């Protein structure tokens, strides 16, 4: 696991570095959505989301 959004959703790195996000807070039988092809792309998405939030309060896609 890479981390959490603080609201119960977790981010995990799969085989080959693909980053997924859980759909629910439960990790018992998680449903995952692919959010990035690798850690670099995930960090770029995170940066854009943070910049958007600072600029206008919108949380972005992550």
Protein backbone atom coordinates (compact mmCIF):
# COMPACT_ATOMS: atom_id res chain seq x y z
CA UNK A 1 0.00 0.00 0.00
CA UNK A 2 1.23 3.50 -0.81
CA UNK A 3 -1.15 5.42 1.38
CA UNK A 4 -4.62 6.72 2.07
CA UNK A 5 -6.57 9.84 1.18
CA UNK A 6 -7.55 10.30 4.83
CA UNK A 7 -11.16 9.54 4.01
CA UNK A 8 -10.86 5.77 3.95
CA UNK A 9 -9.73 5.13 0.39
CA UNK A 10 -6.33 3.50 -0.08
CA UNK A 11 -3.83 3.61 -2.92
CA UNK A 12 -1.87 0.48 -3.77
CA UNK A 13 0.92 -0.36 -6.19
CA UNK A 14 0.34 -3.52 -8.16
CA UNK A 15 2.72 -5.70 -10.11
CA UNK A 16 4.64 -3.66 -12.65
CA UNK A 17 4.08 -0.44 -10.69
CA UNK A 18 0.46 0.25 -11.70
CA UNK A 19 -1.31 2.38 -9.05
CA UNK A 20 -4.86 1.51 -8.01
CA UNK A 21 -7.36 3.15 -5.63
CA UNK A 22 -9.90 1.24 -3.57
CA UNK A 23 -13.58 2.07 -4.14
CA UNK A 24 -14.49 1.54 -0.49
CA UNK A 25 -12.72 1.79 2.85
CA UNK A 26 -12.76 -2.00 3.34
CA UNK A 27 -9.67 -3.95 2.38
CA UNK A 28 -11.33 -7.33 3.03
CA UNK A 29 -12.47 -7.69 -0.61
CA UNK A 30 -11.36 -4.44 -2.22
CA UNK A 31 -12.65 -3.25 -5.56
CA UNK A 32 -9.86 -1.35 -7.29
CA UNK A 33 -9.77 1.35 -9.95
CA UNK A 34 -6.61 1.99 -11.95
CA UNK A 35 -5.51 5.61 -11.44
CA UNK A 36 -1.99 5.66 -12.92
CA UNK A 37 0.36 3.52 -14.97
CA UNK A 38 3.26 4.06 -12.56
CA UNK A 39 4.40 6.06 -9.53
CA UNK A 40 5.65 8.97 -11.64
CA UNK A 41 2.25 9.42 -13.30
CA UNK A 42 0.51 9.11 -9.91
CA UNK A 43 2.71 11.83 -8.42
CA UNK A 44 2.04 14.08 -11.43
CA UNK A 45 -1.72 13.58 -10.93
CA UNK A 46 -1.33 14.33 -7.24
CA UNK A 47 0.59 17.52 -8.01
CA UNK A 48 -2.11 18.70 -10.45
CA UNK A 49 -4.83 17.93 -7.90
CA UNK A 50 -3.01 19.86 -5.18
CA UNK A 51 -2.41 22.85 -7.48
CA UNK A 52 -6.09 22.85 -8.49
CA UNK A 53 -7.16 22.75 -4.85
CA UNK A 54 -4.85 25.62 -3.90
CA UNK A 55 -6.01 27.70 -6.89
CA UNK A 56 -9.77 27.28 -6.58
CA UNK A 57 -10.70 24.77 -3.86
CA UNK A 58 -11.61 21.95 -6.25
CA UNK A 59 -10.25 18.58 -5.05
CA UNK A 60 -9.27 17.14 -8.43
CA UNK A 61 -9.52 13.53 -9.53
CA UNK A 62 -7.62 11.77 -6.76
